N, C-alpha and C. Protein backbone atom coordinates (compact mmCIF):
# COMPACT_ATOMS: atom_id res chain seq x y z
N MET A 1 0.71 -1.05 -0.09
CA MET A 1 0.03 -0.03 -0.05
C MET A 1 0.94 1.20 0.06
N PRO A 2 1.80 1.67 -1.08
CA PRO A 2 2.45 2.45 -0.88
C PRO A 2 1.97 3.89 -1.40
N GLU A 3 1.87 4.89 -0.52
CA GLU A 3 1.45 6.24 -1.13
C GLU A 3 -0.08 5.98 -1.38
N GLU A 4 -0.84 5.08 -1.05
CA GLU A 4 -2.07 4.99 -1.31
C GLU A 4 -3.04 5.35 0.00
N THR A 5 -3.95 6.34 -0.52
CA THR A 5 -4.87 6.82 0.59
C THR A 5 -6.22 6.00 0.66
N VAL A 6 -6.28 5.35 1.77
CA VAL A 6 -7.71 4.68 1.92
C VAL A 6 -8.79 5.35 2.70
N ILE A 7 -10.04 5.31 2.03
CA ILE A 7 -10.99 6.15 2.99
C ILE A 7 -11.87 4.96 3.59
N ILE A 8 -11.93 5.45 4.85
CA ILE A 8 -12.94 4.21 5.55
C ILE A 8 -14.04 5.10 6.26
N LYS A 9 -15.08 4.33 6.19
CA LYS A 9 -16.54 4.58 6.67
C LYS A 9 -17.13 3.64 7.24
N GLY A 10 -17.83 4.04 8.65
CA GLY A 10 -18.54 3.32 9.45
C GLY A 10 -18.70 3.79 10.75
N GLU A 11 -19.18 2.75 11.47
CA GLU A 11 -19.50 3.03 12.88
C GLU A 11 -18.62 2.77 13.69
N VAL A 12 -18.15 4.00 14.77
CA VAL A 12 -17.17 3.76 15.87
C VAL A 12 -17.73 2.89 17.01
N GLU A 13 -17.02 1.60 16.80
CA GLU A 13 -17.54 0.79 18.37
C GLU A 13 -16.54 1.02 19.48
N GLY A 14 -15.70 1.57 19.25
CA GLY A 14 -14.87 2.04 20.85
C GLY A 14 -13.66 2.55 20.38
N TYR A 15 -12.73 2.64 21.59
CA TYR A 15 -11.41 3.02 21.29
C TYR A 15 -10.38 2.10 22.34
N SER A 16 -9.19 1.97 22.04
CA SER A 16 -8.48 1.20 23.08
C SER A 16 -8.56 1.97 24.24
N ARG A 17 -8.21 1.06 25.50
CA ARG A 17 -8.43 1.90 26.66
C ARG A 17 -7.60 2.86 27.18
N GLN A 18 -6.33 3.04 26.74
CA GLN A 18 -5.58 4.21 27.14
C GLN A 18 -4.63 4.61 26.00
N PRO A 19 -4.37 5.92 25.61
CA PRO A 19 -3.40 6.20 24.32
C PRO A 19 -1.96 5.49 24.83
N LYS A 20 -1.24 5.28 23.51
CA LYS A 20 0.18 4.87 23.80
C LYS A 20 0.83 6.34 23.99
N LYS A 21 1.52 6.63 25.00
CA LYS A 21 2.29 7.83 25.06
C LYS A 21 3.64 7.87 24.48
N PHE A 22 3.90 8.93 23.68
CA PHE A 22 5.25 9.11 22.85
C PHE A 22 5.86 10.19 23.51
N GLN A 23 7.08 10.55 23.19
CA GLN A 23 7.76 11.76 23.64
C GLN A 23 7.20 13.34 22.93
N GLY A 24 7.09 14.10 23.64
CA GLY A 24 6.68 15.53 22.92
C GLY A 24 5.12 15.54 23.11
N GLY A 25 4.61 14.83 24.07
CA GLY A 25 3.19 14.94 24.16
C GLY A 25 2.27 14.48 23.28
N ARG A 26 2.86 13.72 22.29
CA ARG A 26 2.15 13.02 21.28
C ARG A 26 1.88 11.58 21.64
N GLY A 27 1.08 10.88 20.84
CA GLY A 27 0.76 9.35 21.15
C GLY A 27 0.00 8.83 20.27
N SER A 28 -0.60 7.53 20.36
CA SER A 28 -1.54 7.07 19.45
C SER A 28 -2.71 6.22 20.21
N ILE A 29 -3.63 5.88 19.58
CA ILE A 29 -4.80 5.25 20.04
C ILE A 29 -5.53 4.66 18.89
N GLY A 30 -6.22 3.28 19.38
CA GLY A 30 -6.77 2.48 18.35
C GLY A 30 -8.23 3.07 18.38
N MET A 31 -8.79 2.93 17.34
CA MET A 31 -10.25 3.22 16.92
C MET A 31 -10.85 2.18 16.37
N LYS A 32 -11.83 1.56 16.84
CA LYS A 32 -12.48 0.39 16.03
C LYS A 32 -13.67 0.68 15.42
N ILE A 33 -13.58 0.58 14.15
CA ILE A 33 -14.72 0.84 13.05
C ILE A 33 -15.32 -0.19 12.39
N ASP A 34 -16.44 -0.99 12.69
CA ASP A 34 -17.23 -1.82 12.13
C ASP A 34 -16.04 -3.06 12.03
N GLY A 35 -15.64 -3.37 13.24
CA GLY A 35 -15.02 -4.65 13.51
C GLY A 35 -13.29 -4.60 13.37
N GLU A 36 -12.69 -3.46 12.80
CA GLU A 36 -11.42 -3.35 12.41
C GLU A 36 -10.90 -2.04 13.01
N TRP A 37 -9.67 -2.37 13.55
CA TRP A 37 -8.67 -1.24 14.39
C TRP A 37 -8.01 -0.22 13.49
N HIS A 38 -8.21 1.06 13.59
CA HIS A 38 -7.39 2.10 13.31
C HIS A 38 -6.54 2.76 13.97
N ASN A 39 -5.38 3.12 13.50
CA ASN A 39 -4.34 3.64 14.41
C ASN A 39 -4.45 5.16 14.11
N ILE A 40 -4.64 5.93 15.49
CA ILE A 40 -4.96 7.51 15.47
C ILE A 40 -3.46 8.01 16.15
N LEU A 41 -2.74 8.94 15.32
CA LEU A 41 -1.44 9.41 16.04
C LEU A 41 -1.84 10.89 16.38
N GLY A 42 -1.12 11.42 17.24
CA GLY A 42 -1.41 13.01 17.23
C GLY A 42 -0.89 13.36 18.83
N LYS A 43 -1.17 14.61 19.14
CA LYS A 43 -1.16 15.26 20.15
C LYS A 43 -1.96 14.87 21.10
N LEU A 44 -1.67 14.25 22.29
CA LEU A 44 -2.44 13.53 23.28
C LEU A 44 -3.82 14.38 23.51
N THR A 45 -3.77 15.94 23.55
CA THR A 45 -4.96 16.36 23.76
C THR A 45 -5.88 16.24 22.52
N ASP A 46 -5.20 16.05 21.39
CA ASP A 46 -5.98 16.09 20.24
C ASP A 46 -6.89 14.70 20.21
N ILE A 47 -6.07 13.92 20.57
CA ILE A 47 -6.57 12.32 20.85
C ILE A 47 -7.72 12.18 21.68
N ALA A 48 -7.68 13.01 22.80
CA ALA A 48 -8.54 12.75 23.87
C ALA A 48 -9.75 13.65 23.24
N GLN A 49 -9.49 14.74 22.23
CA GLN A 49 -10.77 15.44 21.74
C GLN A 49 -11.19 14.65 20.78
N ILE A 50 -10.87 13.78 19.96
CA ILE A 50 -11.45 12.88 19.04
C ILE A 50 -12.29 11.94 19.78
N GLN A 51 -11.74 11.32 20.96
CA GLN A 51 -12.59 10.46 21.60
C GLN A 51 -13.98 11.14 22.10
N ARG A 52 -13.97 12.39 22.69
CA ARG A 52 -15.02 13.12 22.78
C ARG A 52 -16.04 13.55 21.73
N ASP A 53 -15.66 13.96 20.55
CA ASP A 53 -16.08 14.37 19.42
C ASP A 53 -16.99 13.28 18.85
N PHE A 54 -16.26 11.85 18.70
CA PHE A 54 -16.62 10.88 17.78
C PHE A 54 -16.90 9.76 18.87
N PRO A 55 -17.79 9.76 19.94
CA PRO A 55 -17.96 8.70 20.83
C PRO A 55 -18.52 7.32 20.01
N LYS A 56 -18.44 6.37 20.91
CA LYS A 56 -19.14 5.05 20.22
C LYS A 56 -20.64 5.12 19.75
N GLY A 57 -20.64 4.70 18.51
CA GLY A 57 -21.97 4.93 18.03
C GLY A 57 -22.13 5.86 16.81
N THR A 58 -20.82 6.54 16.93
CA THR A 58 -21.01 7.85 15.74
C THR A 58 -20.31 7.25 14.63
N ILE A 59 -21.11 7.72 13.22
CA ILE A 59 -20.75 7.23 12.01
C ILE A 59 -19.92 8.10 11.53
N VAL A 60 -18.50 7.71 11.23
CA VAL A 60 -17.41 8.21 10.61
C VAL A 60 -16.77 8.27 9.37
N GLN A 61 -16.27 9.20 9.03
CA GLN A 61 -15.25 8.96 7.74
C GLN A 61 -13.72 9.15 8.11
N LEU A 62 -12.74 8.51 7.65
CA LEU A 62 -11.35 8.88 7.84
C LEU A 62 -10.68 8.31 6.93
N ALA A 63 -9.21 9.03 6.71
CA ALA A 63 -8.31 8.74 5.68
C ALA A 63 -7.04 7.97 6.33
N GLU A 64 -6.68 6.83 5.74
CA GLU A 64 -5.42 6.24 6.24
C GLU A 64 -4.50 6.20 5.21
N LYS A 65 -3.20 6.10 5.57
CA LYS A 65 -2.00 6.15 4.76
C LYS A 65 -0.93 5.23 5.41
N GLN A 66 -0.10 4.49 4.49
CA GLN A 66 0.93 3.88 5.18
C GLN A 66 2.08 4.69 5.59
N ASN A 67 2.54 4.58 6.60
CA ASN A 67 4.00 5.63 7.07
C ASN A 67 5.21 4.90 6.40
N GLU A 68 6.33 5.66 6.79
CA GLU A 68 7.71 5.02 6.43
C GLU A 68 8.25 4.03 6.96
N ARG A 69 7.69 3.48 8.15
CA ARG A 69 7.83 2.18 8.53
C ARG A 69 6.96 1.09 8.07
N GLY A 70 5.97 1.31 7.22
CA GLY A 70 5.12 0.18 7.13
C GLY A 70 3.84 0.40 7.58
N TYR A 71 3.52 0.93 8.60
CA TYR A 71 2.37 0.65 9.30
C TYR A 71 1.37 1.84 8.57
N VAL A 72 -0.17 1.15 8.97
CA VAL A 72 -1.20 2.32 8.37
C VAL A 72 -1.60 3.04 9.36
N ASP A 73 -1.63 4.49 9.44
CA ASP A 73 -2.04 5.21 10.47
C ASP A 73 -3.05 6.13 9.77
N VAL A 74 -4.17 6.62 10.72
CA VAL A 74 -5.11 7.33 10.19
C VAL A 74 -4.34 8.90 10.01
N ILE A 75 -4.74 9.48 8.92
CA ILE A 75 -3.99 10.85 8.63
C ILE A 75 -4.80 11.83 9.44
N GLU A 76 -3.73 12.72 10.18
CA GLU A 76 -4.11 13.70 11.02
C GLU A 76 -5.24 14.60 10.47
N GLY A 77 -6.37 14.88 11.24
CA GLY A 77 -7.17 15.71 10.91
C GLY A 77 -8.46 15.24 9.92
N SER A 78 -8.34 13.89 9.38
CA SER A 78 -9.26 13.41 8.44
C SER A 78 -10.43 12.84 9.14
N VAL A 79 -10.55 12.71 10.46
CA VAL A 79 -11.76 11.97 10.79
C VAL A 79 -12.84 13.09 10.92
N LYS A 80 -13.95 12.48 10.65
CA LYS A 80 -15.04 13.54 10.47
C LYS A 80 -16.49 12.83 10.48
N LYS A 81 -17.37 13.40 11.13
CA LYS A 81 -18.70 12.73 11.44
C LYS A 81 -19.34 12.83 9.79
N ILE A 82 -20.07 11.58 9.47
CA ILE A 82 -20.89 11.67 8.30
C ILE A 82 -22.28 10.98 8.71
N GLU A 83 -23.14 11.02 7.82
CA GLU A 83 -24.78 10.69 7.97
C GLU A 83 -24.39 8.61 7.73
N LYS A 84 -25.24 8.02 8.33
CA LYS A 84 -25.21 6.70 8.39
C LYS A 84 -25.48 6.40 6.66
N GLU A 85 -26.45 7.18 5.95
CA GLU A 85 -26.53 6.65 4.48
C GLU A 85 -25.11 6.91 3.73
N GLN A 86 -24.43 7.80 3.96
CA GLN A 86 -23.04 8.00 3.14
C GLN A 86 -22.08 6.67 3.70
N ALA A 87 -22.43 6.18 4.81
CA ALA A 87 -21.23 5.16 5.05
C ALA A 87 -21.91 3.82 4.79
N TYR A 88 -23.09 3.53 4.75
CA TYR A 88 -23.70 2.49 4.29
C TYR A 88 -24.63 2.55 3.46
N PRO A 89 -24.22 2.07 2.12
CA PRO A 89 -25.28 2.30 0.75
C PRO A 89 -26.08 1.31 1.22
N GLU A 90 -27.25 1.30 0.34
CA GLU A 90 -28.45 0.40 0.36
C GLU A 90 -28.05 -1.02 0.51
N GLY A 91 -28.55 -1.61 1.66
CA GLY A 91 -28.01 -3.28 1.79
C GLY A 91 -26.96 -3.48 2.67
N LYS A 92 -26.11 -2.67 3.24
CA LYS A 92 -25.13 -2.59 3.97
C LYS A 92 -25.85 -2.31 5.44
N LYS A 93 -25.41 -2.71 6.41
CA LYS A 93 -25.81 -2.07 7.86
C LYS A 93 -24.66 -1.88 8.79
N PRO A 94 -24.90 -0.92 9.67
CA PRO A 94 -23.74 -0.90 10.62
C PRO A 94 -23.84 -2.10 11.55
N ILE A 95 -22.65 -2.11 12.16
CA ILE A 95 -22.53 -3.50 12.82
C ILE A 95 -23.46 -3.58 14.14
N SER A 96 -23.94 -2.22 14.55
CA SER A 96 -24.70 -2.17 15.87
C SER A 96 -26.18 -2.96 15.43
N ASP A 97 -26.58 -2.82 14.22
CA ASP A 97 -27.65 -3.18 13.65
C ASP A 97 -27.65 -4.80 13.65
N ASP A 98 -26.72 -5.31 13.56
CA ASP A 98 -26.37 -6.82 13.44
C ASP A 98 -26.28 -7.34 15.05
N ARG A 99 -26.01 -6.56 16.42
CA ARG A 99 -26.02 -6.78 17.60
C ARG A 99 -26.99 -8.02 17.88
N LYS A 100 -28.28 -7.52 17.97
CA LYS A 100 -29.37 -8.18 18.19
C LYS A 100 -29.28 -9.70 17.63
N ASP A 101 -29.13 -9.87 16.24
CA ASP A 101 -29.06 -10.81 15.81
C ASP A 101 -27.96 -11.92 16.40
N ARG A 102 -26.71 -11.09 16.63
CA ARG A 102 -25.35 -11.86 17.02
C ARG A 102 -25.71 -12.40 18.46
N ASP A 103 -26.53 -11.62 19.18
CA ASP A 103 -26.83 -11.85 20.60
C ASP A 103 -27.70 -13.10 20.43
N PHE A 104 -28.80 -12.96 19.72
CA PHE A 104 -29.76 -14.16 19.48
C PHE A 104 -29.13 -15.60 19.16
N VAL A 105 -28.10 -15.38 18.05
CA VAL A 105 -27.46 -16.52 17.90
C VAL A 105 -26.58 -17.13 18.78
N SER A 106 -25.91 -16.39 19.52
CA SER A 106 -25.00 -16.84 20.82
C SER A 106 -25.92 -17.48 21.95
N CYS A 107 -27.31 -17.23 21.94
CA CYS A 107 -28.14 -17.65 22.83
C CYS A 107 -28.61 -19.15 22.40
N PHE A 108 -29.05 -19.00 20.93
CA PHE A 108 -29.45 -19.89 20.45
C PHE A 108 -28.22 -21.47 20.30
N MET A 109 -27.11 -20.93 20.12
CA MET A 109 -26.18 -21.80 20.05
C MET A 109 -25.55 -22.43 21.74
N ALA A 110 -25.93 -21.69 22.50
CA ALA A 110 -25.98 -22.13 24.03
C ALA A 110 -26.98 -23.06 24.33
N ALA A 111 -28.18 -22.61 23.69
CA ALA A 111 -29.47 -23.66 24.08
C ALA A 111 -29.26 -24.87 23.23
N VAL A 112 -28.87 -24.83 21.94
CA VAL A 112 -28.16 -26.06 21.26
C VAL A 112 -27.32 -27.02 22.08
N ASP A 113 -26.29 -26.46 22.67
CA ASP A 113 -25.35 -27.12 23.62
C ASP A 113 -26.05 -27.70 24.53
N ILE A 114 -27.25 -26.94 25.36
CA ILE A 114 -27.93 -27.56 26.55
C ILE A 114 -28.73 -28.62 26.05
N GLN A 115 -29.34 -28.63 24.82
CA GLN A 115 -30.11 -29.64 24.07
C GLN A 115 -29.44 -31.06 24.01
N ILE A 116 -28.28 -30.73 23.44
CA ILE A 116 -27.41 -31.91 23.27
C ILE A 116 -26.94 -32.60 24.39
N LYS A 117 -26.77 -31.95 25.61
CA LYS A 117 -26.61 -32.64 26.76
C LYS A 117 -27.92 -33.46 27.15
N VAL A 118 -29.11 -32.67 27.06
CA VAL A 118 -30.45 -33.28 27.29
C VAL A 118 -30.50 -34.67 26.49
N ILE A 119 -30.18 -34.52 25.30
CA ILE A 119 -30.26 -35.65 24.18
C ILE A 119 -29.47 -36.93 24.62
N GLU A 120 -28.35 -36.49 24.93
CA GLU A 120 -27.13 -37.46 25.46
C GLU A 120 -27.76 -38.01 26.78
N ASP A 121 -28.54 -37.26 27.54
CA ASP A 121 -28.82 -38.09 28.85
C ASP A 121 -29.99 -39.06 28.69
N LYS A 122 -30.81 -38.55 27.64
CA LYS A 122 -32.09 -39.29 27.28
C LYS A 122 -31.58 -40.64 26.57
N LEU A 123 -30.67 -40.46 25.62
CA LEU A 123 -30.22 -41.51 25.05
C LEU A 123 -29.60 -42.63 25.95
N ILE A 124 -28.88 -42.22 26.91
CA ILE A 124 -28.30 -42.93 27.92
C ILE A 124 -29.38 -43.70 28.68
N ARG A 125 -30.56 -43.32 28.91
CA ARG A 125 -31.47 -43.73 29.69
C ARG A 125 -32.59 -44.47 28.53
N SER A 126 -32.32 -44.70 27.41
CA SER A 126 -33.12 -45.16 26.48
C SER A 126 -34.38 -44.75 26.12
N GLU A 127 -34.36 -43.31 26.26
CA GLU A 127 -35.72 -42.76 26.10
C GLU A 127 -36.19 -42.45 24.60
N LYS A 128 -37.16 -42.68 24.31
CA LYS A 128 -37.70 -41.95 22.87
C LYS A 128 -37.47 -40.64 22.63
N LEU A 129 -36.82 -40.19 21.46
CA LEU A 129 -36.56 -38.77 21.15
C LEU A 129 -37.54 -38.40 20.19
N GLU A 130 -38.21 -37.15 20.12
CA GLU A 130 -39.10 -36.67 19.27
C GLU A 130 -38.30 -35.47 18.81
N ARG A 131 -38.00 -35.37 17.22
CA ARG A 131 -37.49 -34.26 16.63
C ARG A 131 -38.20 -33.07 16.86
N ALA A 132 -39.69 -32.99 16.86
CA ALA A 132 -40.15 -31.74 16.78
C ALA A 132 -40.21 -31.22 18.11
N LYS A 133 -40.41 -31.96 19.16
CA LYS A 133 -40.31 -31.71 20.54
C LYS A 133 -39.09 -31.10 20.86
N CYS A 134 -37.57 -31.71 20.32
CA CYS A 134 -36.32 -31.26 20.79
C CYS A 134 -36.14 -30.14 20.00
N SER A 135 -36.65 -29.89 18.92
CA SER A 135 -36.48 -28.41 18.12
C SER A 135 -37.29 -27.40 19.02
N LYS A 136 -38.48 -27.74 19.33
CA LYS A 136 -38.95 -26.72 20.08
C LYS A 136 -38.60 -26.28 21.38
N GLU A 137 -37.82 -27.35 22.02
CA GLU A 137 -37.34 -27.20 23.33
C GLU A 137 -35.88 -26.13 23.22
N ILE A 138 -35.40 -26.24 21.88
CA ILE A 138 -34.20 -25.68 21.61
C ILE A 138 -34.53 -24.05 21.13
N LEU A 139 -35.53 -23.75 20.49
CA LEU A 139 -35.96 -22.35 20.45
C LEU A 139 -36.49 -21.87 21.61
N GLU A 140 -37.02 -22.54 22.47
CA GLU A 140 -37.84 -21.95 23.66
C GLU A 140 -36.52 -21.56 24.65
N GLN A 141 -35.53 -22.25 24.67
CA GLN A 141 -34.24 -22.26 25.56
C GLN A 141 -33.58 -21.02 24.90
N ALA A 142 -33.48 -20.75 23.62
CA ALA A 142 -32.77 -19.80 23.00
C ALA A 142 -33.41 -18.39 23.36
N GLN A 143 -35.07 -18.25 23.34
CA GLN A 143 -35.73 -17.36 23.63
C GLN A 143 -35.44 -16.71 25.06
N GLN A 144 -35.43 -17.58 25.98
CA GLN A 144 -35.41 -17.50 27.49
C GLN A 144 -34.23 -16.84 27.62
N LEU A 145 -32.95 -17.76 27.17
CA LEU A 145 -31.58 -17.26 27.19
C LEU A 145 -31.44 -15.54 26.70
N TYR A 146 -32.03 -15.45 25.62
CA TYR A 146 -31.89 -14.15 24.89
C TYR A 146 -32.54 -12.99 25.94
N LEU A 147 -33.60 -13.50 26.60
CA LEU A 147 -34.60 -12.45 27.20
C LEU A 147 -33.83 -12.43 28.55
N ASP A 148 -33.33 -13.12 29.10
CA ASP A 148 -32.58 -13.06 30.36
C ASP A 148 -31.30 -12.26 30.05
N PHE A 149 -30.42 -12.58 28.94
CA PHE A 149 -29.37 -11.77 28.51
C PHE A 149 -29.76 -10.08 28.58
N GLN A 150 -30.91 -9.96 27.79
CA GLN A 150 -31.32 -8.62 27.52
C GLN A 150 -31.45 -7.82 28.84
N LYS A 151 -32.29 -8.70 29.78
CA LYS A 151 -32.56 -7.97 31.01
C LYS A 151 -31.12 -7.65 31.69
N GLY A 152 -30.32 -8.68 31.81
CA GLY A 152 -29.23 -8.25 32.44
C GLY A 152 -28.26 -7.30 32.07
N LYS A 153 -28.21 -7.18 30.73
CA LYS A 153 -27.54 -5.91 30.02
C LYS A 153 -28.15 -4.75 30.49
N GLU A 154 -29.63 -4.81 30.56
CA GLU A 154 -30.29 -3.39 30.85
C GLU A 154 -29.91 -3.12 32.30
N ASP A 155 -29.78 -4.10 33.04
CA ASP A 155 -29.53 -4.11 34.82
C ASP A 155 -27.98 -3.43 34.72
N LEU A 156 -27.29 -4.09 34.03
CA LEU A 156 -25.91 -3.55 34.14
C LEU A 156 -25.85 -2.22 33.67
N LYS A 157 -26.67 -1.87 32.56
CA LYS A 157 -26.61 -0.45 32.12
C LYS A 157 -27.05 0.57 33.12
N GLN A 158 -27.93 0.07 33.91
CA GLN A 158 -28.72 1.06 34.71
C GLN A 158 -27.45 1.37 35.97
N GLU A 159 -26.64 0.12 36.37
CA GLU A 159 -25.64 0.28 37.41
C GLU A 159 -24.34 0.98 36.77
N GLY A 160 -24.37 1.38 35.45
CA GLY A 160 -23.22 2.17 34.73
C GLY A 160 -21.98 1.00 34.52
N LYS A 161 -22.38 -0.16 34.54
CA LYS A 161 -21.33 -1.23 34.29
C LYS A 161 -21.50 -1.80 33.12
N TRP A 162 -22.22 -1.43 32.03
CA TRP A 162 -22.21 -1.90 30.66
C TRP A 162 -21.47 -0.87 29.76
């Protein structure tokens, strides 16, 4: 990627915990956009301002370029807020829109794991298995796990721990 500038558009998912500090009051911090990390270099005060100006959930555009050492860095001053439609042409969704789906899939996978143990136990006891009943139990368990997960998440948000 020599001398090539790449434009990135997407939703800010978060930042690395603390900026890495360099000499002269400069530093770097990672900004996660749609599952990918991007390295922001600059004055520590500017980095702190970027975190305030573009909090988690903000739709942004930035430009990146490879530096002399071969690392790809965000070009200073290139981060700007844009509209969702600019970042996500029709058919593409921000990663946060997929979170509910991913949460449910995680709960569904857990329910399948639980049901596998139940089926193994029934097989050991030589009980008759009914496919429709097993499928219904998996779905019911997934739905309950999802509801419990969402309630737990809301409780943690109210406590300021999420």
